[in-house]
Amino acid sequence: MNEFVLESYLKCIIANFNVTFEIVAIDELQSTQNSNLPKLLIVNTFKRNNKVGHWCICHLYRTRKFGVNADFFCSFGSSPESYNMQFPFHITWVNRKVLQPLYSDNCGLYVILFAYYRLRRIAPSKIVTCIFDETHKENNELRVIRFGKRLRRSCGGISDATPTLCASTGAIKKRHCLSASQDASSAQETE
């Protein structure tokens, strides 16, 4: 998912909430502002000039005890330290469970789904244990694809945001779903 589509989805899901968001690359983390809270901070694990990366999210909020806190969600279960992320705030919760299949490139949809439920005041640990399925990652993939399709319809038809499902198996479209006449570039676009 590119930054434009991610931003469009975020604008759609935060419309009824008093929250801001910011999308940054890993090399822009130190310039983030923590003044308008609560806030969704979406971080790409690659530097700004790279076109590919993995999306993670921090839900920032203020508490009396610790000041600015954040929940950190990575669908691969990685910690901020594994990406060499240096945050200027206190991380109170980190997802440690691998929820996204390694073949998937839908990390943006995982981030949006996490944000969707977090804005509804669902605890981050409950999102991971009740919404996602740690043992059947394919179910998570289908869940985020369906969520992306519903969101695309409700947000006014954002395009190129979700992969298509295979007509014969109902799973995410893979090479076996493509006709022999399609070229390799088309195959890369559908995977």
N, C-alpha and C. Protein backbone atom coordinates (compact mmCIF):
# COMPACT_ATOMS: atom_id res chain seq x y z
N MET A 1 0.85 -1.17 0.00
CA MET A 1 0.00 0.00 0.00
C MET A 1 0.89 1.23 0.00
N ASN A 2 0.61 2.12 -0.90
CA ASN A 2 1.42 3.33 -0.95
C ASN A 2 0.92 4.36 0.07
N GLU A 3 1.70 5.40 0.24
CA GLU A 3 1.40 6.41 1.25
C GLU A 3 0.09 7.16 0.96
N PHE A 4 -0.20 7.41 -0.31
CA PHE A 4 -1.42 8.10 -0.67
C PHE A 4 -2.66 7.31 -0.24
N VAL A 5 -2.68 6.01 -0.54
CA VAL A 5 -3.82 5.16 -0.17
C VAL A 5 -3.92 5.06 1.34
N LEU A 6 -2.78 4.88 2.01
CA LEU A 6 -2.77 4.82 3.47
C LEU A 6 -3.35 6.10 4.08
N GLU A 7 -2.93 7.23 3.56
CA GLU A 7 -3.45 8.51 4.04
C GLU A 7 -4.95 8.65 3.79
N SER A 8 -5.40 8.21 2.64
CA SER A 8 -6.84 8.28 2.32
C SER A 8 -7.65 7.43 3.29
N TYR A 9 -7.19 6.23 3.57
CA TYR A 9 -7.89 5.36 4.54
C TYR A 9 -7.89 5.98 5.93
N LEU A 10 -6.75 6.53 6.33
CA LEU A 10 -6.68 7.13 7.66
C LEU A 10 -7.64 8.31 7.80
N LYS A 11 -7.71 9.14 6.78
CA LYS A 11 -8.65 10.26 6.81
C LYS A 11 -10.08 9.77 6.97
N CYS A 12 -10.38 8.67 6.33
CA CYS A 12 -11.72 8.10 6.39
C CYS A 12 -12.04 7.55 7.78
N ILE A 13 -11.11 6.79 8.38
CA ILE A 13 -11.44 6.16 9.67
C ILE A 13 -11.36 7.12 10.85
N ILE A 14 -10.63 8.23 10.72
CA ILE A 14 -10.56 9.16 11.86
C ILE A 14 -11.61 10.26 11.79
N ALA A 15 -12.44 10.25 10.77
CA ALA A 15 -13.40 11.33 10.54
C ALA A 15 -14.26 11.63 11.76
N ASN A 16 -14.64 10.63 12.52
CA ASN A 16 -15.53 10.85 13.67
C ASN A 16 -14.80 10.82 15.00
N PHE A 17 -13.49 10.96 14.99
CA PHE A 17 -12.70 10.90 16.22
C PHE A 17 -11.84 12.15 16.35
N ASN A 18 -11.56 12.51 17.58
CA ASN A 18 -10.70 13.65 17.87
C ASN A 18 -9.26 13.14 17.93
N VAL A 19 -8.69 12.89 16.76
CA VAL A 19 -7.34 12.34 16.68
C VAL A 19 -6.68 12.87 15.41
N THR A 20 -5.36 13.01 15.47
CA THR A 20 -4.60 13.42 14.29
C THR A 20 -3.75 12.23 13.84
N PHE A 21 -3.14 12.35 12.68
CA PHE A 21 -2.21 11.32 12.23
C PHE A 21 -1.06 11.95 11.49
N GLU A 22 0.01 11.19 11.43
CA GLU A 22 1.20 11.60 10.69
C GLU A 22 1.83 10.35 10.09
N ILE A 23 2.25 10.43 8.85
CA ILE A 23 2.92 9.33 8.17
C ILE A 23 4.36 9.75 7.92
N VAL A 24 5.30 8.95 8.44
CA VAL A 24 6.71 9.31 8.33
C VAL A 24 7.54 8.09 7.92
N ALA A 25 8.69 8.36 7.36
CA ALA A 25 9.69 7.32 7.11
C ALA A 25 10.57 7.23 8.35
N ILE A 26 11.29 6.14 8.46
CA ILE A 26 12.10 5.90 9.65
C ILE A 26 13.12 7.02 9.89
N ASP A 27 13.63 7.63 8.83
CA ASP A 27 14.62 8.70 8.98
C ASP A 27 13.98 10.04 9.35
N GLU A 28 12.65 10.09 9.47
CA GLU A 28 11.95 11.33 9.85
C GLU A 28 11.37 11.26 11.27
N LEU A 29 11.66 10.17 11.99
CA LEU A 29 11.05 9.99 13.31
C LEU A 29 11.37 11.10 14.30
N GLN A 30 12.59 11.56 14.31
CA GLN A 30 12.99 12.57 15.29
C GLN A 30 12.30 13.92 15.08
N SER A 31 11.75 14.15 13.90
CA SER A 31 11.08 15.42 13.63
C SER A 31 9.58 15.38 13.91
N THR A 32 9.08 14.25 14.41
CA THR A 32 7.64 14.16 14.68
C THR A 32 7.27 15.03 15.87
N GLN A 33 6.08 15.58 15.82
CA GLN A 33 5.57 16.44 16.88
C GLN A 33 4.60 15.66 17.76
N ASN A 34 4.72 15.81 19.05
CA ASN A 34 3.85 15.12 20.00
C ASN A 34 2.86 16.06 20.67
N SER A 35 2.56 17.16 20.05
CA SER A 35 1.71 18.16 20.69
C SER A 35 0.22 17.85 20.56
N ASN A 36 -0.24 17.43 19.40
CA ASN A 36 -1.66 17.15 19.19
C ASN A 36 -1.95 15.68 19.49
N LEU A 37 -2.39 15.41 20.71
CA LEU A 37 -2.67 14.03 21.10
C LEU A 37 -4.15 13.89 21.40
N PRO A 38 -4.73 12.73 21.19
CA PRO A 38 -4.11 11.50 20.69
C PRO A 38 -3.75 11.61 19.22
N LYS A 39 -2.84 10.71 18.83
CA LYS A 39 -2.30 10.77 17.47
C LYS A 39 -1.95 9.36 16.99
N LEU A 40 -2.13 9.14 15.70
CA LEU A 40 -1.67 7.91 15.06
C LEU A 40 -0.41 8.26 14.29
N LEU A 41 0.67 7.60 14.62
CA LEU A 41 1.95 7.82 13.95
C LEU A 41 2.26 6.57 13.15
N ILE A 42 2.18 6.67 11.83
CA ILE A 42 2.44 5.54 10.96
C ILE A 42 3.86 5.69 10.43
N VAL A 43 4.65 4.63 10.63
CA VAL A 43 6.07 4.70 10.30
C VAL A 43 6.41 3.65 9.25
N ASN A 44 7.09 4.08 8.20
CA ASN A 44 7.63 3.14 7.23
C ASN A 44 9.05 2.80 7.67
N THR A 45 9.39 1.52 7.64
CA THR A 45 10.68 1.08 8.16
C THR A 45 11.85 1.41 7.25
N PHE A 46 11.57 1.95 6.06
CA PHE A 46 12.63 2.37 5.14
C PHE A 46 12.73 3.89 5.14
N LYS A 47 13.84 4.39 4.63
CA LYS A 47 14.03 5.84 4.54
C LYS A 47 13.13 6.43 3.47
N ARG A 48 12.89 7.71 3.55
CA ARG A 48 11.95 8.42 2.68
C ARG A 48 12.23 8.21 1.19
N ASN A 49 13.47 8.16 0.79
CA ASN A 49 13.78 8.04 -0.64
C ASN A 49 13.58 6.63 -1.18
N ASN A 50 13.32 5.64 -0.34
CA ASN A 50 13.02 4.28 -0.81
C ASN A 50 11.53 4.16 -1.10
N LYS A 51 11.18 3.34 -2.06
CA LYS A 51 9.77 3.20 -2.43
C LYS A 51 9.10 2.02 -1.75
N VAL A 52 9.86 1.15 -1.14
CA VAL A 52 9.30 -0.05 -0.53
C VAL A 52 9.66 -0.05 0.95
N GLY A 53 8.80 -0.63 1.74
CA GLY A 53 9.08 -0.75 3.16
C GLY A 53 7.93 -1.44 3.86
N HIS A 54 8.02 -1.50 5.15
CA HIS A 54 7.01 -2.14 5.98
C HIS A 54 6.37 -1.08 6.87
N TRP A 55 5.02 -1.05 6.92
CA TRP A 55 4.30 -0.07 7.73
C TRP A 55 4.08 -0.60 9.14
N CYS A 56 4.35 0.25 10.12
CA CYS A 56 4.06 0.00 11.54
C CYS A 56 3.28 1.20 12.05
N ILE A 57 2.69 1.07 13.24
CA ILE A 57 1.91 2.18 13.78
C ILE A 57 2.16 2.35 15.27
N CYS A 58 2.16 3.60 15.69
CA CYS A 58 2.16 3.95 17.11
C CYS A 58 0.88 4.73 17.38
N HIS A 59 0.16 4.33 18.40
CA HIS A 59 -0.98 5.12 18.87
C HIS A 59 -0.48 5.91 20.07
N LEU A 60 -0.34 7.22 19.89
CA LEU A 60 0.19 8.09 20.94
C LEU A 60 -0.95 8.70 21.75
N TYR A 61 -0.75 8.77 23.05
CA TYR A 61 -1.73 9.36 23.96
C TYR A 61 -1.00 9.86 25.20
N ARG A 62 -1.65 10.68 25.95
CA ARG A 62 -1.03 11.29 27.13
C ARG A 62 -1.64 10.70 28.40
N THR A 63 -0.77 10.40 29.37
CA THR A 63 -1.23 9.99 30.70
C THR A 63 -0.57 10.89 31.73
N ARG A 64 -1.17 10.97 32.88
CA ARG A 64 -0.60 11.83 33.94
C ARG A 64 0.72 11.27 34.45
N LYS A 65 0.81 9.96 34.54
CA LYS A 65 1.99 9.33 35.13
C LYS A 65 3.23 9.42 34.25
N PHE A 66 3.10 9.09 32.96
CA PHE A 66 4.26 9.00 32.09
C PHE A 66 4.34 10.08 31.01
N GLY A 67 3.35 10.93 30.90
CA GLY A 67 3.35 11.92 29.82
C GLY A 67 2.89 11.29 28.53
N VAL A 68 3.71 11.40 27.48
CA VAL A 68 3.35 10.84 26.18
C VAL A 68 3.71 9.35 26.15
N ASN A 69 2.71 8.53 25.91
CA ASN A 69 2.87 7.07 25.80
C ASN A 69 2.49 6.63 24.40
N ALA A 70 2.86 5.41 24.05
CA ALA A 70 2.49 4.88 22.75
C ALA A 70 2.36 3.37 22.79
N ASP A 71 1.40 2.87 22.02
CA ASP A 71 1.28 1.44 21.74
C ASP A 71 1.92 1.25 20.37
N PHE A 72 2.80 0.26 20.25
CA PHE A 72 3.50 0.01 18.99
C PHE A 72 3.00 -1.29 18.39
N PHE A 73 2.53 -1.21 17.13
CA PHE A 73 2.02 -2.40 16.45
C PHE A 73 2.78 -2.63 15.16
N CYS A 74 3.35 -3.82 15.04
CA CYS A 74 3.98 -4.30 13.81
C CYS A 74 3.34 -5.66 13.54
N SER A 75 2.79 -5.85 12.37
CA SER A 75 2.10 -7.09 12.05
C SER A 75 3.05 -8.29 11.97
N PHE A 76 4.35 -8.06 11.88
CA PHE A 76 5.33 -9.14 11.91
C PHE A 76 5.82 -9.43 13.32
N GLY A 77 5.30 -8.71 14.31
CA GLY A 77 5.66 -8.95 15.70
C GLY A 77 7.04 -8.43 16.07
N SER A 78 7.58 -7.55 15.28
CA SER A 78 8.91 -6.99 15.55
C SER A 78 8.82 -5.80 16.49
N SER A 79 9.86 -5.60 17.25
CA SER A 79 9.91 -4.47 18.18
C SER A 79 10.48 -3.24 17.47
N PRO A 80 10.29 -2.06 18.05
CA PRO A 80 10.90 -0.86 17.45
C PRO A 80 12.43 -0.99 17.35
N GLU A 81 13.02 -1.66 18.33
CA GLU A 81 14.48 -1.82 18.33
C GLU A 81 14.96 -2.64 17.14
N SER A 82 14.16 -3.61 16.71
CA SER A 82 14.58 -4.44 15.58
C SER A 82 14.67 -3.62 14.29
N TYR A 83 13.98 -2.48 14.23
CA TYR A 83 14.06 -1.58 13.08
C TYR A 83 14.96 -0.38 13.36
N ASN A 84 15.62 -0.37 14.51
CA ASN A 84 16.45 0.76 14.95
C ASN A 84 15.64 2.05 15.06
N MET A 85 14.40 1.92 15.52
CA MET A 85 13.55 3.10 15.70
C MET A 85 13.83 3.73 17.06
N GLN A 86 14.06 5.02 17.05
CA GLN A 86 14.28 5.78 18.27
C GLN A 86 13.12 6.74 18.44
N PHE A 87 12.25 6.47 19.41
CA PHE A 87 11.09 7.32 19.62
C PHE A 87 11.32 8.30 20.76
N PRO A 88 10.83 9.54 20.61
CA PRO A 88 10.95 10.53 21.68
C PRO A 88 9.79 10.45 22.68
N PHE A 89 9.28 9.24 22.93
CA PHE A 89 8.19 9.04 23.88
C PHE A 89 8.28 7.63 24.45
N HIS A 90 7.48 7.37 25.46
CA HIS A 90 7.50 6.10 26.19
C HIS A 90 6.61 5.06 25.49
N ILE A 91 7.19 3.91 25.10
CA ILE A 91 6.41 2.83 24.50
C ILE A 91 5.90 1.95 25.64
N THR A 92 4.58 1.84 25.77
CA THR A 92 4.01 1.07 26.87
C THR A 92 3.58 -0.34 26.46
N TRP A 93 3.35 -0.54 25.17
CA TRP A 93 2.91 -1.86 24.69
C TRP A 93 3.49 -2.10 23.30
N VAL A 94 3.95 -3.34 23.06
CA VAL A 94 4.50 -3.73 21.77
C VAL A 94 3.88 -5.07 21.39
N ASN A 95 3.38 -5.16 20.16
CA ASN A 95 2.89 -6.45 19.67
C ASN A 95 4.09 -7.36 19.40
N ARG A 96 4.10 -8.54 20.00
CA ARG A 96 5.19 -9.50 19.81
C ARG A 96 4.75 -10.72 19.00
N LYS A 97 3.52 -10.71 18.50
CA LYS A 97 2.99 -11.87 17.79
C LYS A 97 3.05 -11.65 16.28
N VAL A 98 3.50 -12.67 15.57
CA VAL A 98 3.54 -12.60 14.10
C VAL A 98 2.12 -12.87 13.62
N LEU A 99 1.50 -11.88 13.01
CA LEU A 99 0.12 -11.97 12.56
C LEU A 99 -0.01 -12.00 11.05
N GLN A 100 0.96 -11.47 10.37
CA GLN A 100 0.92 -11.34 8.91
C GLN A 100 1.81 -12.42 8.29
N PRO A 101 1.29 -13.15 7.30
CA PRO A 101 2.14 -14.13 6.61
C PRO A 101 3.33 -13.44 5.94
N LEU A 102 4.45 -14.12 5.90
CA LEU A 102 5.66 -13.53 5.34
C LEU A 102 5.53 -13.22 3.85
N TYR A 103 4.65 -13.92 3.14
CA TYR A 103 4.47 -13.67 1.70
C TYR A 103 3.60 -12.45 1.43
N SER A 104 2.97 -11.92 2.45
CA SER A 104 2.00 -10.83 2.27
C SER A 104 2.67 -9.47 2.20
N ASP A 105 2.05 -8.58 1.42
CA ASP A 105 2.50 -7.19 1.39
C ASP A 105 1.37 -6.24 1.82
N ASN A 106 0.50 -6.74 2.69
CA ASN A 106 -0.65 -5.96 3.15
C ASN A 106 -0.44 -5.30 4.51
N CYS A 107 0.79 -4.99 4.86
CA CYS A 107 1.05 -4.41 6.18
C CYS A 107 0.26 -3.12 6.40
N GLY A 108 0.03 -2.35 5.35
CA GLY A 108 -0.76 -1.13 5.48
C GLY A 108 -2.17 -1.41 5.95
N LEU A 109 -2.77 -2.48 5.46
CA LEU A 109 -4.12 -2.84 5.91
C LEU A 109 -4.13 -3.32 7.35
N TYR A 110 -3.08 -4.01 7.77
CA TYR A 110 -2.97 -4.42 9.18
C TYR A 110 -2.90 -3.18 10.08
N VAL A 111 -2.13 -2.20 9.65
CA VAL A 111 -2.01 -0.95 10.41
C VAL A 111 -3.36 -0.23 10.49
N ILE A 112 -4.07 -0.16 9.37
CA ILE A 112 -5.37 0.52 9.34
C ILE A 112 -6.37 -0.23 10.23
N LEU A 113 -6.38 -1.55 10.17
CA LEU A 113 -7.30 -2.33 11.01
C LEU A 113 -6.99 -2.14 12.49
N PHE A 114 -5.70 -2.14 12.84
CA PHE A 114 -5.31 -1.88 14.23
C PHE A 114 -5.79 -0.49 14.66
N ALA A 115 -5.56 0.51 13.83
CA ALA A 115 -5.99 1.88 14.15
C ALA A 115 -7.51 1.96 14.30
N TYR A 116 -8.22 1.29 13.43
CA TYR A 116 -9.68 1.29 13.47
C TYR A 116 -10.19 0.83 14.84
N TYR A 117 -9.67 -0.28 15.32
CA TYR A 117 -10.13 -0.79 16.62
C TYR A 117 -9.55 -0.01 17.79
N ARG A 118 -8.33 0.48 17.65
CA ARG A 118 -7.73 1.26 18.75
C ARG A 118 -8.50 2.56 18.96
N LEU A 119 -8.97 3.17 17.87
CA LEU A 119 -9.76 4.40 18.00
C LEU A 119 -11.10 4.13 18.69
N ARG A 120 -11.54 2.90 18.65
CA ARG A 120 -12.78 2.51 19.34
C ARG A 120 -12.52 2.04 20.75
N ARG A 121 -11.34 2.39 21.26
CA ARG A 121 -10.91 2.13 22.64
C ARG A 121 -10.78 0.65 22.98
N ILE A 122 -10.51 -0.17 21.97
CA ILE A 122 -10.22 -1.58 22.23
C ILE A 122 -8.74 -1.65 22.61
N ALA A 123 -8.45 -2.31 23.71
CA ALA A 123 -7.07 -2.43 24.18
C ALA A 123 -6.22 -3.13 23.12
N PRO A 124 -4.97 -2.69 22.96
CA PRO A 124 -4.13 -3.29 21.92
C PRO A 124 -3.97 -4.80 22.06
N SER A 125 -3.82 -5.28 23.28
CA SER A 125 -3.68 -6.73 23.48
C SER A 125 -4.95 -7.47 23.07
N LYS A 126 -6.11 -6.86 23.27
CA LYS A 126 -7.38 -7.47 22.85
C LYS A 126 -7.50 -7.49 21.33
N ILE A 127 -7.02 -6.47 20.68
CA ILE A 127 -7.05 -6.44 19.21
C ILE A 127 -6.24 -7.62 18.68
N VAL A 128 -5.06 -7.81 19.24
CA VAL A 128 -4.18 -8.88 18.77
C VAL A 128 -4.77 -10.26 19.06
N THR A 129 -5.36 -10.44 20.24
CA THR A 129 -5.86 -11.77 20.60
C THR A 129 -7.28 -12.05 20.12
N CYS A 130 -8.12 -11.04 19.99
CA CYS A 130 -9.52 -11.25 19.61
C CYS A 130 -9.82 -10.99 18.14
N ILE A 131 -9.15 -10.06 17.53
CA ILE A 131 -9.41 -9.71 16.13
C ILE A 131 -8.55 -10.56 15.21
N PHE A 132 -7.30 -10.76 15.58
CA PHE A 132 -6.38 -11.53 14.76
C PHE A 132 -6.25 -12.96 15.29
N ASP A 133 -5.69 -13.83 14.45
CA ASP A 133 -5.51 -15.23 14.78
C ASP A 133 -4.03 -15.56 14.60
N GLU A 134 -3.33 -15.75 15.72
CA GLU A 134 -1.89 -15.96 15.66
C GLU A 134 -1.52 -17.29 14.99
N THR A 135 -2.36 -18.30 15.13
CA THR A 135 -2.01 -19.62 14.59
C THR A 135 -2.39 -19.80 13.12
N HIS A 136 -3.38 -19.06 12.64
CA HIS A 136 -3.82 -19.18 11.25
C HIS A 136 -3.68 -17.83 10.56
N LYS A 137 -2.48 -17.51 10.16
CA LYS A 137 -2.19 -16.20 9.58
C LYS A 137 -2.95 -15.94 8.28
N GLU A 138 -3.30 -17.02 7.57
CA GLU A 138 -4.09 -16.86 6.35
C GLU A 138 -5.45 -16.24 6.65
N ASN A 139 -6.02 -16.58 7.83
CA ASN A 139 -7.29 -15.97 8.24
C ASN A 139 -7.13 -14.47 8.45
N ASN A 140 -6.00 -14.07 9.01
CA ASN A 140 -5.74 -12.64 9.19
C ASN A 140 -5.66 -11.93 7.85
N GLU A 141 -5.02 -12.60 6.90
CA GLU A 141 -4.86 -12.01 5.58
C GLU A 141 -6.23 -11.79 4.93
N LEU A 142 -7.08 -12.79 5.00
CA LEU A 142 -8.43 -12.66 4.44
C LEU A 142 -9.23 -11.58 5.19
N ARG A 143 -9.03 -11.50 6.50
CA ARG A 143 -9.73 -10.49 7.30
C ARG A 143 -9.34 -9.08 6.86
N VAL A 144 -8.04 -8.82 6.69
CA VAL A 144 -7.64 -7.46 6.30
C VAL A 144 -8.04 -7.15 4.87
N ILE A 145 -8.04 -8.15 4.00
CA ILE A 145 -8.49 -7.92 2.62
C ILE A 145 -9.97 -7.56 2.60
N ARG A 146 -10.78 -8.29 3.34
CA ARG A 146 -12.22 -7.96 3.41
C ARG A 146 -12.43 -6.59 4.03
N PHE A 147 -11.69 -6.30 5.09
CA PHE A 147 -11.78 -5.00 5.74
C PHE A 147 -11.41 -3.90 4.74
N GLY A 148 -10.35 -4.11 3.97
CA GLY A 148 -9.91 -3.14 2.97
C GLY A 148 -10.97 -2.91 1.91
N LYS A 149 -11.63 -3.96 1.49
CA LYS A 149 -12.70 -3.82 0.48
C LYS A 149 -13.88 -3.04 1.04
N ARG A 150 -14.28 -3.35 2.28
CA ARG A 150 -15.38 -2.59 2.90
C ARG A 150 -15.00 -1.13 3.07
N LEU A 151 -13.79 -0.92 3.51
CA LEU A 151 -13.31 0.45 3.72
C LEU A 151 -13.23 1.21 2.41
N ARG A 152 -12.79 0.54 1.37
CA ARG A 152 -12.71 1.19 0.05
C ARG A 152 -14.09 1.65 -0.40
N ARG A 153 -15.10 0.81 -0.21
CA ARG A 153 -16.47 1.19 -0.58
C ARG A 153 -16.97 2.35 0.27
N SER A 154 -16.74 2.29 1.57
CA SER A 154 -17.27 3.33 2.45
C SER A 154 -16.49 4.64 2.37
N CYS A 155 -15.27 4.59 1.87
CA CYS A 155 -14.44 5.79 1.77
C CYS A 155 -14.46 6.42 0.39
N GLY A 156 -15.35 5.97 -0.45
CA GLY A 156 -15.49 6.61 -1.75
C GLY A 156 -14.65 6.03 -2.85
N GLY A 157 -14.36 4.75 -2.79
CA GLY A 157 -13.73 4.08 -3.92
C GLY A 157 -12.24 4.29 -4.08
N ILE A 158 -11.47 4.26 -3.00
CA ILE A 158 -10.02 4.34 -3.10
C ILE A 158 -9.54 3.13 -3.90
N SER A 159 -8.72 3.34 -4.91
CA SER A 159 -8.34 2.23 -5.79
C SER A 159 -6.97 1.67 -5.45
N ASP A 160 -6.72 0.49 -5.99
CA ASP A 160 -5.44 -0.21 -5.87
C ASP A 160 -5.00 -0.39 -4.42
N ALA A 161 -5.95 -0.61 -3.52
CA ALA A 161 -5.60 -0.73 -2.12
C ALA A 161 -5.56 -2.17 -1.64
N THR A 162 -6.33 -3.04 -2.25
CA THR A 162 -6.38 -4.40 -1.76
C THR A 162 -6.13 -5.38 -2.89
N PRO A 163 -5.49 -6.50 -2.57
CA PRO A 163 -5.30 -7.51 -3.60
C PRO A 163 -6.62 -8.21 -3.89
N THR A 164 -6.69 -8.90 -5.00
CA THR A 164 -7.91 -9.61 -5.35
C THR A 164 -7.85 -11.03 -4.84
N LEU A 165 -9.01 -11.66 -4.71
CA LEU A 165 -9.08 -13.04 -4.27
C LEU A 165 -9.17 -13.95 -5.48
N CYS A 166 -8.61 -15.14 -5.34
CA CYS A 166 -8.65 -16.15 -6.40
C CYS A 166 -10.07 -16.67 -6.53
N ALA A 167 -10.59 -16.73 -7.76
CA ALA A 167 -11.96 -17.20 -7.99
C ALA A 167 -12.13 -18.68 -7.64
N SER A 168 -11.09 -19.49 -7.83
CA SER A 168 -11.25 -20.93 -7.60
C SER A 168 -11.06 -21.33 -6.15
N THR A 169 -10.15 -20.67 -5.41
CA THR A 169 -9.88 -21.10 -4.04
C THR A 169 -10.39 -20.13 -2.99
N GLY A 170 -10.65 -18.89 -3.36
CA GLY A 170 -11.07 -17.88 -2.39
C GLY A 170 -9.90 -17.28 -1.63
N ALA A 171 -8.70 -17.78 -1.87
CA ALA A 171 -7.50 -17.25 -1.21
C ALA A 171 -6.97 -16.06 -1.99
N ILE A 172 -5.90 -15.48 -1.48
CA ILE A 172 -5.29 -14.35 -2.16
C ILE A 172 -4.75 -14.81 -3.50
N LYS A 173 -4.95 -13.99 -4.52
CA LYS A 173 -4.58 -14.37 -5.88
C LYS A 173 -3.08 -14.62 -5.98
N LYS A 174 -2.74 -15.76 -6.50
CA LYS A 174 -1.34 -16.16 -6.70
C LYS A 174 -1.14 -16.46 -8.18
N ARG A 175 0.03 -16.95 -8.54
CA ARG A 175 0.35 -17.23 -9.93
C ARG A 175 -0.63 -18.22 -10.56
N HIS A 176 -1.11 -19.23 -9.82
CA HIS A 176 -1.98 -20.23 -10.43
C HIS A 176 -3.31 -19.63 -10.90
N CYS A 177 -3.64 -18.45 -10.44
CA CYS A 177 -4.89 -17.81 -10.84
C CYS A 177 -4.73 -17.04 -12.16
N LEU A 178 -3.51 -16.79 -12.56
CA LEU A 178 -3.27 -15.98 -13.73
C LEU A 178 -3.31 -16.83 -14.99
N SER A 179 -3.77 -16.25 -16.06
CA SER A 179 -3.78 -16.98 -17.32
C SER A 179 -2.36 -17.00 -17.88
N ALA A 180 -2.09 -17.96 -18.72
CA ALA A 180 -0.74 -18.12 -19.29
C ALA A 180 -0.35 -16.94 -20.16
N SER A 181 -1.32 -16.20 -20.65
CA SER A 181 -1.00 -15.09 -21.55
C SER A 181 -0.51 -13.84 -20.82
N GLN A 182 -0.70 -13.77 -19.50
CA GLN A 182 -0.24 -12.58 -18.79
C GLN A 182 1.27 -12.60 -18.64
N ASP A 183 1.88 -11.46 -18.69
CA ASP A 183 3.32 -11.39 -18.59
C ASP A 183 3.77 -11.30 -17.14
N ALA A 184 5.07 -11.35 -16.92
CA ALA A 184 5.63 -11.36 -15.57
C ALA A 184 5.32 -10.07 -14.81
N SER A 185 5.23 -8.95 -15.51
CA SER A 185 4.94 -7.69 -14.81
C SER A 185 3.53 -7.71 -14.25
N SER A 186 2.59 -8.29 -14.96
CA SER A 186 1.23 -8.41 -14.44
C SER A 186 1.19 -9.33 -13.25
N ALA A 187 1.97 -10.38 -13.30
CA ALA A 187 2.01 -11.34 -12.19
C ALA A 187 2.53 -10.66 -10.93
N GLN A 188 3.52 -9.80 -11.07
CA GLN A 188 4.08 -9.11 -9.90
C GLN A 188 3.06 -8.15 -9.32
N GLU A 189 2.24 -7.54 -10.14
CA GLU A 189 1.24 -6.60 -9.65
C GLU A 189 0.16 -7.29 -8.83
N THR A 190 -0.18 -8.53 -9.14
CA THR A 190 -1.27 -9.20 -8.43
C THR A 190 -0.80 -9.92 -7.18
N GLU A 191 0.48 -10.08 -7.00
CA GLU A 191 0.97 -10.76 -5.82
C GLU A 191 1.24 -9.81 -4.70
